N, C-alpha and C. Protein backbone atom coordinates (compact mmCIF):
# COMPACT_ATOMS: atom_id res chain seq x y z
N UNK A 1 -115.54 6.37 -14.65
CA UNK A 1 -115.45 5.17 -13.91
C UNK A 1 -114.02 4.82 -13.56
N UNK A 2 -114.15 3.57 -12.67
CA UNK A 2 -112.71 3.18 -12.56
C UNK A 2 -111.99 2.30 -13.33
N UNK A 3 -111.10 2.88 -13.31
CA UNK A 3 -109.98 2.03 -14.04
C UNK A 3 -108.77 1.48 -13.51
N UNK A 4 -108.20 0.17 -13.95
CA UNK A 4 -107.15 -0.53 -12.89
C UNK A 4 -106.28 -1.30 -14.16
N UNK A 5 -104.88 -0.86 -13.62
CA UNK A 5 -103.85 -1.23 -14.50
C UNK A 5 -103.03 -2.42 -13.50
N UNK A 6 -103.00 -3.27 -14.23
CA UNK A 6 -102.06 -4.27 -13.08
C UNK A 6 -101.06 -4.72 -13.68
N UNK A 7 -99.82 -4.86 -13.45
CA UNK A 7 -98.57 -5.26 -13.86
C UNK A 7 -98.09 -6.17 -12.99
N UNK A 8 -96.66 -7.03 -13.42
CA UNK A 8 -95.66 -7.67 -12.48
C UNK A 8 -95.87 -9.14 -12.83
N UNK A 9 -96.78 -9.24 -13.69
CA UNK A 9 -96.93 -11.16 -14.19
C UNK A 9 -95.98 -11.65 -14.99
N UNK A 10 -96.06 -12.72 -14.79
CA UNK A 10 -94.99 -13.40 -15.92
C UNK A 10 -94.65 -15.02 -15.35
N UNK A 11 -93.82 -15.51 -16.05
CA UNK A 11 -93.63 -17.09 -15.89
C UNK A 11 -92.48 -17.29 -14.84
N UNK A 12 -92.59 -18.04 -13.90
CA UNK A 12 -91.61 -18.12 -13.27
C UNK A 12 -91.67 -19.55 -12.74
N UNK A 13 -90.60 -20.45 -12.29
CA UNK A 13 -90.49 -21.42 -11.80
C UNK A 13 -91.39 -21.57 -10.41
N UNK A 14 -91.23 -23.30 -9.78
CA UNK A 14 -92.21 -23.03 -8.83
C UNK A 14 -91.14 -23.08 -7.86
N UNK A 15 -91.79 -22.47 -6.60
CA UNK A 15 -90.94 -21.84 -5.27
C UNK A 15 -90.47 -20.46 -5.62
N UNK A 16 -90.60 -19.82 -6.71
CA UNK A 16 -90.14 -18.26 -7.32
C UNK A 16 -91.20 -17.24 -6.46
N UNK A 17 -90.90 -16.48 -6.56
CA UNK A 17 -91.46 -14.86 -6.56
C UNK A 17 -91.90 -14.05 -7.57
N UNK A 18 -93.08 -13.71 -7.49
CA UNK A 18 -93.53 -12.22 -8.32
C UNK A 18 -94.17 -11.24 -7.41
N UNK A 19 -94.06 -9.79 -8.06
CA UNK A 19 -94.72 -8.75 -7.30
C UNK A 19 -95.77 -8.29 -8.13
N UNK A 20 -97.08 -8.40 -8.04
CA UNK A 20 -97.74 -7.86 -9.12
C UNK A 20 -98.06 -6.35 -8.24
N UNK A 21 -98.16 -5.36 -8.82
CA UNK A 21 -98.60 -3.92 -8.83
C UNK A 21 -99.96 -3.87 -9.59
N UNK A 22 -100.80 -2.91 -8.66
CA UNK A 22 -101.83 -2.22 -9.51
C UNK A 22 -102.06 -0.81 -9.29
N UNK A 23 -102.58 0.25 -10.43
CA UNK A 23 -103.19 1.75 -9.57
C UNK A 23 -104.36 1.41 -10.32
N UNK A 24 -105.06 2.41 -9.61
CA UNK A 24 -106.29 2.65 -10.06
C UNK A 24 -106.92 4.03 -10.00
N UNK A 25 -107.67 4.39 -11.09
CA UNK A 25 -107.93 5.64 -11.40
C UNK A 25 -109.34 6.03 -11.89
N UNK A 26 -109.96 7.31 -12.15
CA UNK A 26 -111.22 7.54 -12.09
C UNK A 26 -112.48 7.66 -10.98
N UNK A 27 -113.34 7.54 -11.31
CA UNK A 27 -114.53 7.76 -10.36
C UNK A 27 -114.63 6.81 -9.03
N UNK A 28 -113.84 7.08 -8.02
CA UNK A 28 -114.06 6.44 -6.96
C UNK A 28 -114.49 7.02 -5.82
N UNK A 29 -115.51 6.54 -5.12
CA UNK A 29 -116.07 7.34 -4.29
C UNK A 29 -116.03 6.20 -2.82
N UNK A 30 -115.47 7.27 -2.13
CA UNK A 30 -115.44 6.74 -0.65
C UNK A 30 -114.78 5.23 -0.45
N UNK A 31 -113.66 4.91 -1.23
CA UNK A 31 -112.81 3.83 -1.51
C UNK A 31 -112.41 3.43 0.28
N UNK A 32 -113.25 1.99 0.25
CA UNK A 32 -112.85 1.21 1.47
C UNK A 32 -111.94 -0.04 1.46
N UNK A 33 -111.88 -0.63 0.18
CA UNK A 33 -110.72 -1.60 0.07
C UNK A 33 -109.93 -1.61 -1.55
N UNK A 34 -109.12 -2.25 -1.70
CA UNK A 34 -108.66 -2.86 -2.40
C UNK A 34 -108.06 -4.35 -2.58
N UNK A 35 -107.87 -5.09 -3.45
CA UNK A 35 -108.01 -6.43 -3.36
C UNK A 35 -107.50 -7.06 -4.99
N UNK A 36 -107.18 -8.40 -4.68
CA UNK A 36 -106.65 -9.21 -5.37
C UNK A 36 -107.52 -10.47 -5.88
N UNK A 37 -107.86 -10.40 -7.04
CA UNK A 37 -108.77 -11.77 -7.67
C UNK A 37 -107.70 -12.47 -8.66
N UNK A 38 -108.06 -13.84 -8.53
CA UNK A 38 -107.56 -14.31 -9.33
C UNK A 38 -108.48 -15.40 -10.53
N UNK A 39 -108.27 -15.59 -11.66
CA UNK A 39 -109.27 -16.63 -12.28
C UNK A 39 -108.09 -17.48 -13.44
N UNK A 40 -108.20 -18.93 -12.98
CA UNK A 40 -107.40 -20.03 -13.75
C UNK A 40 -108.54 -20.53 -14.75
N UNK A 41 -108.01 -21.18 -15.91
CA UNK A 41 -108.46 -22.12 -17.06
C UNK A 41 -109.60 -22.57 -15.98
N UNK A 42 -111.08 -22.37 -16.39
CA UNK A 42 -111.96 -22.93 -15.90
C UNK A 42 -112.54 -23.22 -14.87
N UNK A 43 -112.04 -22.09 -13.95
CA UNK A 43 -112.36 -22.13 -12.57
C UNK A 43 -113.12 -20.63 -12.69
N UNK A 44 -113.85 -20.76 -11.41
CA UNK A 44 -114.44 -19.24 -11.13
C UNK A 44 -113.40 -17.98 -10.67
N UNK A 45 -113.65 -16.87 -10.74
CA UNK A 45 -112.88 -15.77 -10.14
C UNK A 45 -112.91 -15.84 -8.63
N UNK A 46 -111.99 -15.99 -7.99
CA UNK A 46 -112.01 -15.52 -6.42
C UNK A 46 -111.38 -14.55 -6.03
N UNK A 47 -111.25 -13.91 -5.06
CA UNK A 47 -110.56 -13.55 -4.04
C UNK A 47 -109.62 -13.89 -3.47
N UNK A 48 -108.25 -13.50 -3.33
CA UNK A 48 -107.29 -14.09 -3.20
C UNK A 48 -106.55 -12.90 -2.06
N UNK A 49 -106.72 -11.31 -1.47
CA UNK A 49 -106.43 -11.04 -0.62
C UNK A 49 -107.07 -9.36 -0.63
N UNK A 50 -106.99 -8.73 0.36
CA UNK A 50 -107.98 -7.57 0.15
C UNK A 50 -107.04 -6.78 1.36
N UNK A 51 -106.90 -5.55 0.96
CA UNK A 51 -106.35 -4.84 2.38
C UNK A 51 -107.41 -3.61 2.37
N UNK A 52 -107.60 -3.21 3.55
CA UNK A 52 -108.95 -2.10 3.82
C UNK A 52 -108.31 -0.52 4.01
N UNK A 53 -108.69 0.06 3.88
CA UNK A 53 -108.43 1.63 3.97
C UNK A 53 -107.68 2.26 5.42
N UNK A 54 -107.94 1.03 6.39
CA UNK A 54 -107.22 1.08 7.67
C UNK A 54 -106.37 0.18 7.74
N UNK A 55 -105.73 -0.28 6.55
CA UNK A 55 -104.65 -1.54 6.26
C UNK A 55 -104.93 -2.57 6.89
N UNK A 56 -106.15 -3.17 7.64
CA UNK A 56 -106.32 -4.66 7.68
C UNK A 56 -106.45 -5.40 6.65
N UNK A 57 -105.67 -6.50 6.55
CA UNK A 57 -105.86 -7.79 5.32
C UNK A 57 -106.51 -8.66 5.34
N UNK A 58 -106.28 -9.84 4.59
CA UNK A 58 -107.45 -10.70 4.84
C UNK A 58 -106.84 -11.62 3.55
N UNK A 59 -106.60 -13.10 3.57
CA UNK A 59 -106.28 -13.95 2.72
C UNK A 59 -107.26 -15.17 2.46
N UNK A 60 -106.97 -16.02 1.36
CA UNK A 60 -107.59 -16.92 1.24
C UNK A 60 -106.73 -17.82 1.29
N UNK A 61 -107.34 -18.80 2.33
CA UNK A 61 -106.51 -20.00 2.98
C UNK A 61 -105.50 -20.58 1.53
N UNK A 62 -105.67 -20.87 0.57
CA UNK A 62 -104.88 -21.29 -0.29
C UNK A 62 -103.52 -20.35 -0.47
N UNK A 63 -103.76 -19.43 0.12
CA UNK A 63 -102.39 -18.64 -0.18
C UNK A 63 -101.76 -17.98 1.05
N UNK A 64 -102.59 -18.14 2.55
CA UNK A 64 -102.31 -18.06 3.49
C UNK A 64 -100.44 -18.29 3.67
N UNK A 65 -99.88 -17.25 4.51
CA UNK A 65 -98.32 -17.29 4.62
C UNK A 65 -97.56 -17.27 3.69
N UNK A 66 -97.91 -17.18 1.96
CA UNK A 66 -97.15 -17.15 1.03
C UNK A 66 -97.20 -15.69 0.51
N UNK A 67 -98.43 -15.02 0.40
CA UNK A 67 -98.36 -13.71 -0.44
C UNK A 67 -98.92 -12.99 0.69
N UNK A 68 -98.35 -11.78 0.26
CA UNK A 68 -98.71 -10.46 1.20
C UNK A 68 -99.01 -9.39 0.21
N UNK A 69 -100.34 -8.49 0.89
CA UNK A 69 -100.50 -7.63 0.26
C UNK A 69 -100.63 -6.61 0.68
N UNK A 70 -99.97 -5.59 0.18
CA UNK A 70 -99.93 -3.93 0.80
C UNK A 70 -99.85 -2.68 -0.40
N UNK A 71 -100.03 -1.63 0.47
CA UNK A 71 -100.37 -0.80 -0.55
C UNK A 71 -100.82 0.90 0.02
N UNK A 72 -101.25 1.71 -0.60
CA UNK A 72 -101.71 2.88 0.09
C UNK A 72 -103.35 3.01 -0.40
N UNK A 73 -104.64 2.66 0.12
CA UNK A 73 -105.69 2.69 -0.79
C UNK A 73 -106.26 3.91 -0.83
N UNK A 74 -105.70 4.95 0.06
CA UNK A 74 -105.98 6.28 -0.33
C UNK A 74 -105.35 6.69 -1.42
N UNK A 75 -104.42 6.03 -1.84
CA UNK A 75 -103.58 6.60 -3.05
C UNK A 75 -104.00 5.84 -4.59
N UNK A 76 -105.15 4.74 -3.96
CA UNK A 76 -105.30 3.89 -4.97
C UNK A 76 -104.40 3.07 -5.64
N UNK A 77 -103.29 2.54 -5.08
CA UNK A 77 -102.25 1.32 -5.36
C UNK A 77 -102.46 0.39 -4.55
N UNK A 78 -101.88 -0.96 -5.13
CA UNK A 78 -102.27 -1.84 -3.96
C UNK A 78 -101.06 -2.98 -4.61
N UNK A 79 -100.25 -3.64 -3.83
CA UNK A 79 -99.56 -4.82 -4.58
C UNK A 79 -99.74 -5.96 -3.95
N UNK A 80 -99.42 -7.13 -4.57
CA UNK A 80 -99.40 -8.29 -4.32
C UNK A 80 -97.92 -9.32 -4.29
N UNK A 81 -96.98 -9.57 -3.28
CA UNK A 81 -95.89 -9.83 -2.94
C UNK A 81 -96.10 -11.54 -3.08
N UNK A 82 -96.08 -12.25 -3.94
CA UNK A 82 -96.31 -13.69 -3.86
C UNK A 82 -94.62 -14.48 -4.05
N UNK A 83 -94.60 -15.19 -2.91
CA UNK A 83 -93.82 -16.14 -2.67
C UNK A 83 -93.92 -17.66 -2.61
N UNK A 84 -93.05 -18.57 -2.68
CA UNK A 84 -93.50 -19.89 -2.89
C UNK A 84 -94.34 -20.37 -3.73
N UNK A 85 -94.49 -19.92 -5.06
CA UNK A 85 -95.48 -20.02 -5.92
C UNK A 85 -95.55 -21.66 -6.21
N UNK A 86 -96.59 -22.06 -6.51
CA UNK A 86 -96.95 -23.09 -7.08
C UNK A 86 -97.54 -23.24 -8.48
N UNK A 87 -97.61 -24.38 -8.66
CA UNK A 87 -98.38 -24.22 -10.53
C UNK A 87 -100.09 -24.42 -10.26
N UNK A 88 -100.41 -24.26 -9.15
CA UNK A 88 -101.90 -24.21 -8.58
C UNK A 88 -102.16 -22.56 -8.66
N UNK A 89 -101.03 -21.68 -8.77
CA UNK A 89 -101.24 -20.43 -8.71
C UNK A 89 -101.31 -19.68 -9.87
N UNK A 90 -101.22 -20.49 -10.84
CA UNK A 90 -101.49 -19.99 -12.13
C UNK A 90 -102.84 -19.74 -12.60
N UNK A 91 -102.95 -18.31 -12.82
CA UNK A 91 -103.98 -17.86 -13.33
C UNK A 91 -103.74 -16.38 -13.85
N UNK A 92 -104.84 -15.58 -14.28
CA UNK A 92 -104.77 -14.16 -14.44
C UNK A 92 -105.42 -13.13 -13.11
N UNK A 93 -104.49 -12.65 -12.65
CA UNK A 93 -104.68 -11.83 -11.45
C UNK A 93 -105.25 -10.30 -12.09
N UNK A 94 -106.53 -9.88 -11.45
CA UNK A 94 -106.98 -8.71 -11.28
C UNK A 94 -106.73 -8.06 -9.76
N UNK A 95 -107.07 -6.82 -10.01
CA UNK A 95 -107.29 -6.07 -9.10
C UNK A 95 -108.89 -5.28 -8.73
N UNK A 96 -108.98 -5.04 -7.67
CA UNK A 96 -110.39 -4.40 -7.76
C UNK A 96 -110.10 -3.19 -6.24
N UNK A 97 -111.24 -2.60 -6.54
CA UNK A 97 -111.80 -1.30 -5.55
C UNK A 97 -113.12 -1.70 -5.18
N UNK A 98 -113.06 -0.83 -3.75
CA UNK A 98 -114.73 -1.32 -3.03
C UNK A 98 -114.54 0.00 -2.32
N UNK A 99 -116.33 0.26 -2.57
CA UNK A 99 -116.69 1.50 -1.29
C UNK A 99 -117.92 1.03 -0.51
N UNK A 100 -118.64 1.44 -0.06
CA UNK A 100 -119.27 0.95 0.84
C UNK A 100 -120.30 -0.01 0.09
N UNK A 101 -120.53 0.08 -1.00
CA UNK A 101 -121.53 -0.69 -1.62
C UNK A 101 -120.86 -2.13 -2.35
N UNK A 102 -119.78 -2.56 -2.15
CA UNK A 102 -119.13 -3.61 -2.12
C UNK A 102 -117.96 -3.53 -2.96
N UNK A 103 -117.31 -4.54 -3.96
CA UNK A 103 -116.27 -4.69 -4.68
C UNK A 103 -117.07 -4.23 -5.97
N UNK A 104 -116.07 -3.38 -7.04
CA UNK A 104 -116.64 -3.10 -8.43
C UNK A 104 -116.94 -4.43 -9.42
N UNK A 105 -117.49 -4.16 -10.19
CA UNK A 105 -118.36 -5.13 -11.20
C UNK A 105 -117.72 -5.09 -12.16
N UNK A 106 -116.74 -4.24 -12.48
CA UNK A 106 -116.09 -4.13 -13.54
C UNK A 106 -114.57 -4.60 -13.31
N UNK A 107 -113.76 -4.88 -14.15
CA UNK A 107 -112.85 -5.32 -14.16
C UNK A 107 -111.37 -4.52 -15.35
N UNK A 108 -110.38 -4.85 -14.70
CA UNK A 108 -109.09 -4.46 -15.94
C UNK A 108 -108.41 -5.28 -16.55
N UNK A 109 -107.51 -5.26 -17.07
CA UNK A 109 -107.04 -6.36 -18.14
C UNK A 109 -106.62 -7.63 -17.52
N UNK A 110 -106.20 -7.13 -16.18
CA UNK A 110 -105.46 -8.54 -15.30
C UNK A 110 -103.74 -8.39 -16.03
N UNK A 111 -103.05 -9.31 -15.28
CA UNK A 111 -101.74 -9.80 -15.51
C UNK A 111 -101.38 -11.31 -15.65
N UNK A 112 -101.04 -11.77 -16.25
CA UNK A 112 -101.12 -13.36 -16.23
C UNK A 112 -99.79 -13.91 -15.42
N UNK A 113 -100.03 -14.91 -14.38
CA UNK A 113 -99.10 -15.42 -13.56
C UNK A 113 -99.02 -16.93 -14.16
N UNK A 114 -97.87 -17.56 -14.88
CA UNK A 114 -97.91 -18.64 -14.86
C UNK A 114 -96.61 -19.55 -14.00
N UNK A 115 -96.68 -20.24 -13.21
CA UNK A 115 -95.80 -21.15 -12.59
C UNK A 115 -95.83 -22.35 -12.92
N UNK A 116 -94.77 -22.80 -13.64
CA UNK A 116 -94.38 -23.95 -14.25
C UNK A 116 -92.46 -23.84 -14.76
N UNK A 117 -92.08 -25.14 -14.65
CA UNK A 117 -90.85 -25.76 -14.97
C UNK A 117 -90.24 -25.79 -16.15
């Protein structure tokens, strides 16, 4: 089964930057995309950014212009460069993988991002 290891989270001041990394392994068939989700306390998990095996990217409106997703889907690696961070970005960030059936319904441990002065 697919497993994901996220890293790079931490405590940062508003306006600061962080770079998250994820490596996936296990049984991944016909991978089509990787992406980053986040979940803040009391909020639903939301898709922040995604990248397809062809390199196409997509971003949530709340992070567009501030976050950049990159990586090598074929090698099951993905990154999230987060700039101009705001307190509203505080959440646990998770990466995920997709095949032709859609996003995996299992999750890794995630990495905590806290934006506070």
